[in-house]
Protein backbone atom coordinates (compact mmCIF):
# COMPACT_ATOMS: atom_id res chain seq x y z
CA UNK A 1 0.00 0.00 0.00
CA UNK A 2 2.70 2.48 1.03
CA UNK A 3 4.73 1.68 -2.12
CA UNK A 4 1.88 2.62 -4.48
CA UNK A 5 2.49 5.35 -7.03
CA UNK A 6 0.42 8.28 -5.77
CA UNK A 7 0.50 10.05 -9.11
CA UNK A 8 -1.02 7.02 -10.80
CA UNK A 9 -3.60 6.71 -8.03
CA UNK A 10 -4.53 10.38 -8.49
CA UNK A 11 -4.96 9.79 -12.22
CA UNK A 12 -7.23 6.80 -11.58
CA UNK A 13 -9.18 8.74 -8.95
CA UNK A 14 -9.76 11.60 -11.41
CA UNK A 15 -11.01 9.00 -13.90
CA UNK A 16 -13.66 7.88 -11.38
CA UNK A 17 -11.95 4.80 -9.90
CA UNK A 18 -13.49 4.32 -6.43
CA UNK A 19 -10.71 2.06 -5.14
CA UNK A 20 -8.07 4.66 -6.05
CA UNK A 21 -10.02 7.35 -4.18
CA UNK A 22 -10.20 5.12 -1.10
CA UNK A 23 -6.47 4.36 -1.36
CA UNK A 24 -5.61 8.07 -1.56
CA UNK A 25 -7.83 8.79 1.43
CA UNK A 26 -6.05 6.11 3.45
CA UNK A 27 -2.60 7.30 2.38
CA UNK A 28 -3.52 10.81 3.50
CA UNK A 29 -3.96 9.38 7.04
CA UNK A 30 -0.70 7.46 7.29
CA UNK A 31 -0.72 7.16 11.09
CA UNK A 32 -4.19 5.61 11.16
CA UNK A 33 -3.47 3.38 8.14
CA UNK A 34 -0.30 2.00 9.73
CA UNK A 35 -2.14 1.63 13.01
CA UNK A 36 -4.86 -0.64 11.63
CA UNK A 37 -2.41 -2.66 9.49
CA UNK A 38 0.03 -3.27 12.34
CA UNK A 39 -2.80 -3.93 14.79
CA UNK A 40 -4.07 -6.94 12.84
CA UNK A 41 -0.57 -7.98 11.78
CA UNK A 42 0.58 -8.26 15.39
CA UNK A 43 -2.68 -9.83 16.56
CA UNK A 44 -2.36 -12.58 13.95
CA UNK A 45 1.33 -13.17 14.70
CA UNK A 46 0.71 -13.35 18.44
CA UNK A 47 -2.32 -15.61 17.97
CA UNK A 48 -0.31 -17.93 15.71
CA UNK A 49 2.52 -18.18 18.26
CA UNK A 50 0.05 -18.91 21.07
CA UNK A 51 -1.81 -21.50 19.01
CA UNK A 52 1.39 -23.38 18.11
CA UNK A 53 2.48 -23.38 21.78
CA UNK A 54 -0.89 -24.83 22.86
CA UNK A 55 -0.73 -27.52 20.18
CA UNK A 56 2.86 -28.44 21.12
CA UNK A 57 1.91 -28.76 24.80
CA UNK A 58 -1.13 -30.91 23.94
CA UNK A 59 0.93 -33.26 21.75
CA UNK A 60 4.27 -33.44 23.54
CA UNK A 61 3.64 -32.06 26.99
CA UNK A 62 5.69 -29.24 28.52
CA UNK A 63 9.00 -30.56 27.24
CA UNK A 64 11.44 -27.73 26.50
CA UNK A 65 12.46 -29.21 23.15
CA UNK A 66 8.82 -29.21 22.01
CA UNK A 67 8.30 -25.54 22.94
CA UNK A 68 11.61 -24.60 21.24
CA UNK A 69 10.72 -26.53 18.08
CA UNK A 70 7.28 -24.93 18.04
CA UNK A 71 8.79 -21.47 18.40
CA UNK A 72 11.19 -22.08 15.50
CA UNK A 73 8.38 -23.49 13.35
CA UNK A 74 5.99 -20.60 13.95
CA UNK A 75 8.80 -18.07 13.37
CA UNK A 76 9.59 -19.72 10.04
CA UNK A 77 5.93 -19.83 8.98
CA UNK A 78 5.35 -16.18 9.98
CA UNK A 79 8.44 -15.02 8.09
CA UNK A 80 7.56 -16.89 4.92
CA UNK A 81 3.77 -16.59 4.77
CA UNK A 82 2.99 -13.45 6.81
CA UNK A 83 6.00 -11.19 6.30
CA UNK A 84 8.41 -11.72 3.40
CA UNK A 85 6.12 -13.21 0.74
CA UNK A 86 3.22 -10.71 1.17
CA UNK A 87 5.62 -7.76 1.27
CA UNK A 88 7.49 -8.88 -1.87
CA UNK A 89 4.22 -9.45 -3.73
CA UNK A 90 2.82 -6.14 -2.46
CA UNK A 91 5.92 -4.11 -3.37
CA UNK A 92 5.99 -5.56 -6.88
CA UNK A 93 2.26 -5.04 -7.50
CA UNK A 94 1.52 -2.05 -5.29
CA UNK A 95 -0.29 -0.01 -7.94
CA UNK A 96 -2.63 -2.90 -8.75
CA UNK A 97 -3.23 -4.13 -5.20
CA UNK A 98 -3.62 -0.78 -3.40
CA UNK A 99 -7.11 0.06 -4.83
CA UNK A 100 -8.33 -3.49 -4.11
CA UNK A 101 -6.91 -3.72 -0.58
CA UNK A 102 -8.40 -0.31 0.28
CA UNK A 103 -11.90 -1.84 0.12
CA UNK A 104 -10.86 -4.06 3.08
CA UNK A 105 -8.76 -1.59 5.03
CA UNK A 106 -11.25 1.31 4.90
CA UNK A 107 -14.09 -0.59 6.70
CA UNK A 108 -11.59 -2.05 9.20
CA UNK A 109 -10.26 1.42 9.97
CA UNK A 110 -13.80 2.72 10.60
CA UNK A 111 -14.67 -0.30 12.75
CA UNK A 112 -11.55 -0.20 14.90
CA UNK A 113 -11.15 3.57 14.95
CA UNK A 114 -11.28 3.77 18.79
CA UNK A 115 -8.55 1.15 19.21
CA UNK A 116 -6.29 2.81 16.62
CA UNK A 117 -6.93 6.21 18.23
CA UNK A 118 -5.98 4.86 21.66
CA UNK A 119 -2.74 3.31 20.38
CA UNK A 120 -1.83 6.50 18.49
CA UNK A 121 -2.10 8.49 21.71
CA UNK A 122 0.98 6.69 23.01
CA UNK A 123 2.71 7.02 19.64
CA UNK A 124 2.15 10.80 19.57
CA UNK A 125 3.33 11.11 23.15
CA UNK A 126 6.52 9.22 22.34
CA UNK A 127 7.13 11.36 19.25
CA UNK A 128 6.59 14.48 21.35
CA UNK A 129 9.12 13.33 23.94
CA UNK A 130 11.70 12.57 21.25
CA UNK A 131 10.87 15.86 19.44
CA UNK A 132 10.18 14.06 16.21
CA UNK A 133 7.34 15.53 14.16
CA UNK A 134 6.04 13.39 11.29
CA UNK A 135 5.27 15.18 8.05
CA UNK A 136 1.76 15.09 6.67
CA UNK A 137 1.00 14.12 3.09
CA UNK A 138 0.65 17.81 2.19
CA UNK A 139 4.21 18.44 3.43
CA UNK A 140 5.74 15.62 1.41
CA UNK A 141 8.39 17.03 -0.96
CA UNK A 142 7.45 17.46 -4.59
CA UNK A 143 9.58 16.24 -7.46
CA UNK A 144 12.46 18.54 -8.32
CA UNK A 145 13.26 19.44 -11.96
CA UNK A 146 16.18 16.99 -11.87
CA UNK A 147 13.89 14.22 -10.59
CA UNK A 148 11.32 15.04 -13.25
CA UNK A 149 14.06 14.88 -15.90
CA UNK A 150 15.07 11.43 -14.64
CA UNK A 151 11.42 10.36 -14.70
CA UNK A 152 11.09 11.43 -18.35
CA UNK A 153 14.33 9.67 -19.28
CA UNK A 154 13.23 6.44 -17.61
CA UNK A 155 9.86 6.61 -19.36
CA UNK A 156 11.54 6.33 -22.76
CA UNK A 157 9.69 3.09 -23.57
CA UNK A 158 6.33 4.80 -23.12
CA UNK A 159 7.03 8.21 -24.70
CA UNK A 160 8.01 8.67 -28.38
CA UNK A 161 11.60 9.86 -28.74
CA UNK A 162 10.57 13.18 -30.30
CA UNK A 163 8.12 13.92 -27.48
CA UNK A 164 10.73 12.93 -24.90
CA UNK A 165 13.22 15.33 -26.50
CA UNK A 166 10.71 18.21 -26.33
CA UNK A 167 9.98 17.53 -22.65
CA UNK A 168 13.70 17.47 -21.83
CA UNK A 169 14.23 20.72 -23.72
CA UNK A 170 11.46 22.33 -21.64
CA UNK A 171 13.51 21.77 -18.49
CA UNK A 172 16.42 23.68 -20.08
CA UNK A 173 14.42 26.83 -20.83
CA UNK A 174 14.79 28.07 -17.25
CA UNK A 175 18.56 27.59 -17.21
CA UNK A 176 19.59 28.96 -20.64
CA UNK A 177 19.59 32.57 -21.80
CA UNK A 178 18.96 34.25 -25.13
CA UNK A 179 22.74 34.58 -25.44
CA UNK A 180 22.94 30.79 -25.68
CA UNK A 181 20.61 30.49 -28.68
CA UNK A 182 21.10 33.81 -30.52
CA UNK A 183 22.57 34.23 -33.98
CA UNK A 184 25.93 35.90 -33.19
CA UNK A 185 26.82 39.38 -34.39
CA UNK A 186 28.33 39.26 -37.84
CA UNK A 187 26.37 36.13 -38.82
CA UNK A 188 22.90 37.65 -39.25
CA UNK A 189 21.88 39.71 -42.26
CA UNK A 190 21.30 43.44 -41.81
CA UNK A 191 20.95 46.51 -44.05
CA UNK A 192 23.42 49.37 -43.88
CA UNK A 193 21.74 52.66 -44.87
CA UNK A 194 25.19 54.11 -45.51
CA UNK A 195 25.53 51.77 -48.51
CA UNK A 196 24.50 52.90 -52.03
CA UNK A 197 20.79 52.51 -52.72
CA UNK A 198 21.49 50.10 -55.59
CA UNK A 199 23.33 47.77 -53.22
CA UNK A 200 20.43 47.95 -50.77
CA UNK A 201 17.92 47.13 -53.52
CA UNK A 202 20.00 44.17 -54.62
CA UNK A 203 20.25 42.93 -51.04
CA UNK A 204 16.49 43.21 -50.54
CA UNK A 205 15.80 41.43 -53.84
CA UNK A 206 17.95 38.43 -52.85
CA UNK A 207 17.20 38.27 -49.13
CA UNK A 208 15.29 35.27 -47.75
CA UNK A 209 14.36 36.94 -44.46
CA UNK A 210 11.02 38.60 -43.73
CA UNK A 211 12.51 40.99 -41.16
CA UNK A 212 15.89 42.69 -41.32
CA UNK A 213 17.65 45.00 -38.85
CA UNK A 214 18.60 48.34 -40.40
CA UNK A 215 21.63 50.28 -39.16
CA UNK A 216 23.60 53.25 -40.32
CA UNK A 217 27.39 52.93 -40.70
CA UNK A 218 27.82 51.05 -37.39
CA UNK A 219 25.95 47.86 -36.46
CA UNK A 220 25.54 49.20 -32.93
CA UNK A 221 23.55 52.09 -34.43
CA UNK A 222 20.40 50.13 -35.29
CA UNK A 223 17.63 52.52 -36.29
CA UNK A 224 14.81 50.07 -36.94
CA UNK A 225 13.50 46.73 -38.15
CA UNK A 226 12.31 46.40 -41.73
CA UNK A 227 9.45 44.10 -42.74
CA UNK A 228 10.14 43.41 -46.38
CA UNK A 229 6.55 42.83 -47.45
CA UNK A 230 5.82 46.50 -46.76
CA UNK A 231 8.31 47.46 -49.46
CA UNK A 232 7.27 44.89 -52.03
CA UNK A 233 5.39 47.34 -54.26
CA UNK A 234 8.11 50.01 -54.21
CA UNK A 235 10.82 47.40 -54.75
CA UNK A 236 9.08 45.92 -57.80
CA UNK A 237 8.43 49.39 -59.22
CA UNK A 238 12.07 50.32 -58.78
CA UNK A 239 11.16 53.49 -56.88
CA UNK A 240 12.62 52.47 -53.53
CA UNK A 241 14.72 55.17 -51.91
CA UNK A 242 16.40 55.57 -48.53
CA UNK A 243 13.75 57.99 -47.27
CA UNK A 244 10.87 55.68 -48.14
CA UNK A 245 12.79 52.84 -46.51
CA UNK A 246 13.13 54.86 -43.30
CA UNK A 247 9.37 55.47 -43.28
CA UNK A 248 8.67 51.74 -43.18
CA UNK A 249 10.97 50.93 -40.24
CA UNK A 250 9.55 49.63 -36.98
CA UNK A 251 11.07 50.38 -33.60
CA UNK A 252 13.92 47.97 -32.75
CA UNK A 253 13.36 45.63 -29.83
CA UNK A 254 16.40 45.09 -27.59
CA UNK A 255 16.93 42.16 -25.24
CA UNK A 256 19.51 41.93 -22.41
CA UNK A 257 21.87 39.02 -23.04
CA UNK A 258 21.18 37.44 -19.64
CA UNK A 259 17.40 37.16 -20.20
CA UNK A 260 16.21 33.55 -19.64
CA UNK A 261 14.77 31.96 -22.78
CA UNK A 262 11.49 31.07 -21.07
CA UNK A 263 11.01 34.68 -19.93
CA UNK A 264 11.83 35.93 -23.42
CA UNK A 265 9.21 33.64 -24.92
CA UNK A 266 6.65 35.30 -22.65
CA UNK A 267 7.95 38.78 -23.57
CA UNK A 268 7.59 38.03 -27.27
CA UNK A 269 3.99 36.98 -26.64
CA UNK A 270 3.11 39.97 -24.44
CA UNK A 271 4.75 42.54 -26.76
CA UNK A 272 3.66 40.85 -29.99
CA UNK A 273 7.24 40.77 -31.24
CA UNK A 274 9.02 38.12 -33.29
CA UNK A 275 12.58 39.46 -33.44
CA UNK A 276 14.88 41.10 -30.93
CA UNK A 277 18.46 42.34 -30.88
CA UNK A 278 20.57 40.96 -28.02
CA UNK A 279 22.71 43.57 -26.24
CA UNK A 280 25.36 43.28 -23.54
CA UNK A 281 25.66 45.40 -20.38
CA UNK A 282 27.23 48.22 -22.40
CA UNK A 283 24.45 48.32 -25.01
CA UNK A 284 26.61 46.74 -27.73
CA UNK A 285 24.85 44.43 -30.18
CA UNK A 286 25.83 40.81 -29.49
CA UNK A 287 23.42 39.01 -31.76
CA UNK A 288 19.86 38.47 -32.86
CA UNK A 289 17.15 36.13 -31.60
CA UNK A 290 13.75 35.35 -33.09
CA UNK A 291 10.65 33.56 -31.90
CA UNK A 292 11.54 30.75 -34.31
CA UNK A 293 14.92 30.32 -32.59
CA UNK A 294 13.18 29.67 -29.27
CA UNK A 295 10.68 27.25 -30.82
CA UNK A 296 13.52 25.40 -32.54
CA UNK A 297 15.24 25.10 -29.17
CA UNK A 298 12.16 23.19 -28.04
CA UNK A 299 11.20 21.01 -31.00
CA UNK A 300 14.32 20.98 -33.15
CA UNK A 301 15.25 22.48 -36.50
CA UNK A 302 12.42 23.34 -38.88
CA UNK A 303 12.31 21.95 -42.38
CA UNK A 304 12.54 25.19 -44.33
CA UNK A 305 13.15 26.54 -47.80
CA UNK A 306 15.77 28.96 -46.50
CA UNK A 307 19.31 28.15 -47.67
CA UNK A 308 21.67 26.73 -45.06
CA UNK A 309 25.10 27.84 -46.13
CA UNK A 310 26.74 26.42 -43.06
CA UNK A 311 25.73 22.85 -43.90
CA UNK A 312 24.43 20.08 -41.68
CA UNK A 313 26.38 19.03 -38.60
CA UNK A 314 27.20 15.32 -38.49
CA UNK A 315 30.17 13.02 -38.13
CA UNK A 316 31.54 11.69 -41.42
CA UNK A 317 32.56 8.07 -41.93
CA UNK A 318 36.16 8.86 -40.96
CA UNK A 319 35.04 10.31 -37.62
CA UNK A 320 35.49 14.01 -38.39
CA UNK A 321 33.17 16.97 -38.97
CA UNK A 322 33.87 20.20 -40.83
CA UNK A 323 32.00 23.04 -39.11
CA UNK A 324 31.75 26.79 -39.30
CA UNK A 325 33.55 28.69 -36.54
CA UNK A 326 30.42 30.71 -35.87
CA UNK A 327 28.45 27.65 -34.83
CA UNK A 328 27.02 27.69 -31.33
CA UNK A 329 28.89 25.52 -28.82
CA UNK A 330 25.54 24.44 -27.44
CA UNK A 331 24.39 23.29 -30.88
CA UNK A 332 27.63 21.36 -31.46
CA UNK A 333 27.26 19.60 -28.11
CA UNK A 334 23.70 18.60 -28.89
CA UNK A 335 24.17 17.44 -32.49
CA UNK A 336 27.60 15.81 -32.14
CA UNK A 337 27.13 14.51 -28.59
CA UNK A 338 30.11 16.47 -27.23
CA UNK A 339 30.81 18.10 -23.86
CA UNK A 340 32.50 21.35 -24.87
CA UNK A 341 32.39 23.97 -22.06
CA UNK A 342 29.48 26.40 -22.31
CA UNK A 343 30.71 28.90 -19.71
CA UNK A 344 33.78 30.06 -21.63
CA UNK A 345 32.28 31.14 -24.96
CA UNK A 346 29.07 30.89 -26.95
CA UNK A 347 30.54 30.02 -30.36
CA UNK A 348 33.27 27.65 -31.49
CA UNK A 349 35.29 30.63 -32.74
CA UNK A 350 35.05 32.30 -29.32
CA UNK A 351 36.01 29.06 -27.56
CA UNK A 352 39.16 28.66 -29.68
CA UNK A 353 40.18 32.32 -29.32
CA UNK A 354 39.68 32.07 -25.56
CA UNK A 355 41.84 28.93 -25.49
CA UNK A 356 44.75 30.53 -27.37
CA UNK A 357 44.25 34.09 -26.13
CA UNK A 358 45.19 34.97 -29.71
CA UNK A 359 44.07 34.37 -33.30
CA UNK A 360 45.55 31.01 -34.38
CA UNK A 361 47.08 30.33 -37.76
CA UNK A 362 45.69 27.93 -40.33
CA UNK A 363 46.77 24.32 -39.70
CA UNK A 364 47.12 24.68 -35.92
CA UNK A 365 45.63 21.83 -33.89
CA UNK A 366 44.33 21.85 -30.33
CA UNK A 367 42.25 19.82 -27.91
CA UNK A 368 39.40 21.15 -25.74
CA UNK A 369 37.41 18.94 -23.37
CA UNK A 370 38.78 15.84 -25.05
CA UNK A 371 37.82 17.00 -28.57
CA UNK A 372 40.68 17.31 -31.07
CA UNK A 373 40.35 20.22 -33.52
CA UNK A 374 42.23 21.50 -36.55
CA UNK A 375 42.01 25.11 -37.75
CA UNK A 376 41.20 24.95 -41.47
CA UNK A 377 40.61 28.64 -42.23
CA UNK A 378 40.96 31.97 -40.44
CA UNK A 379 39.68 35.23 -41.91
CA UNK A 380 39.00 38.75 -40.65
CA UNK A 381 40.35 37.99 -37.18
CA UNK A 382 38.00 35.01 -36.88
CA UNK A 383 38.29 31.26 -37.09
CA UNK A 384 36.06 30.55 -40.08
CA UNK A 385 36.31 26.77 -40.50
CA UNK A 386 37.31 24.03 -38.06
CA UNK A 387 37.62 20.28 -38.42
CA UNK A 388 36.49 18.39 -35.33
CA UNK A 389 37.53 14.83 -34.61
CA UNK A 390 35.19 12.43 -32.83
CA UNK A 391 36.48 11.59 -29.34
CA UNK A 392 37.14 7.97 -28.50
CA UNK A 393 34.23 6.32 -26.69
């Protein structure tokens, strides 16, 4: 009874199962439940011992060997048939037996309520003297996030792998920030109003993004967010100018880098925004995050018509992977099953630069967290391409 899964019992009770409701009611009164169980358990054990002693005396007289043999026999029978076997069966089938047994225990508890109450008086007095206060069912600790994660992992046979992955990702939303999932500065597309208008038109005509940040001369000087569909008519007519482009800009939405992802999801919903620019404590642009980025963190990468110039991340047959230096360390860990440190840098380029404290030359090799790497290409003070080697199992 005590080993029954209370969550399963609550589910059955909500479905209208009378036995589950009785079992939950009994479990909510643990002191009385244990009182009635132990009352009859000890009565039966004592009665069995007395009965065997009487039988031994009737058959063999008051010989000491007969009383000793009877004591050993009744101890063996009680252990096997009244203690070990019922407890093993009950522990292994607690969820199935608890609702059925409750139909017996509930009437017994009502019938022998005065006896149980009287016994519990002494129990409470003893607990008071020893300053031990039992916790009620309402005070029982709830499952922690780590325990819930373990529960989901152990339920892999009952939950589809994709659903299990989504549930596990939900637990991470409280611990990761927008800085962990953003598109880093220099890797997202933006429009520079200081560029010639012909270059801007060409960029708009070939862009695959619905929303683009617009800055002037310096990326930190973002003046607005452009929704391309608003300019479709002017762009097709060839009459798009910088002034008309300024008129169609929406106010930029800035997000502190330390904002938790779950909180940001709520902010997007409350402010009806889909794109935000991530800034550090000094107001410098660090990257860009969209509503789609957060959803992808939950359910995985979308199948999309947008081009993926960086290529898929996967180990090749020779145990290596060629990746872009701007890739997120978190993404590499997830897709390549690595354990690269997340507290030192957000991108692979940043992790390598932090390791060397300098910009490495092409062909240099290194090892971080057991992962061997080779610098394939460096450009513009950045590590552009890196070859990773699969660590030995």
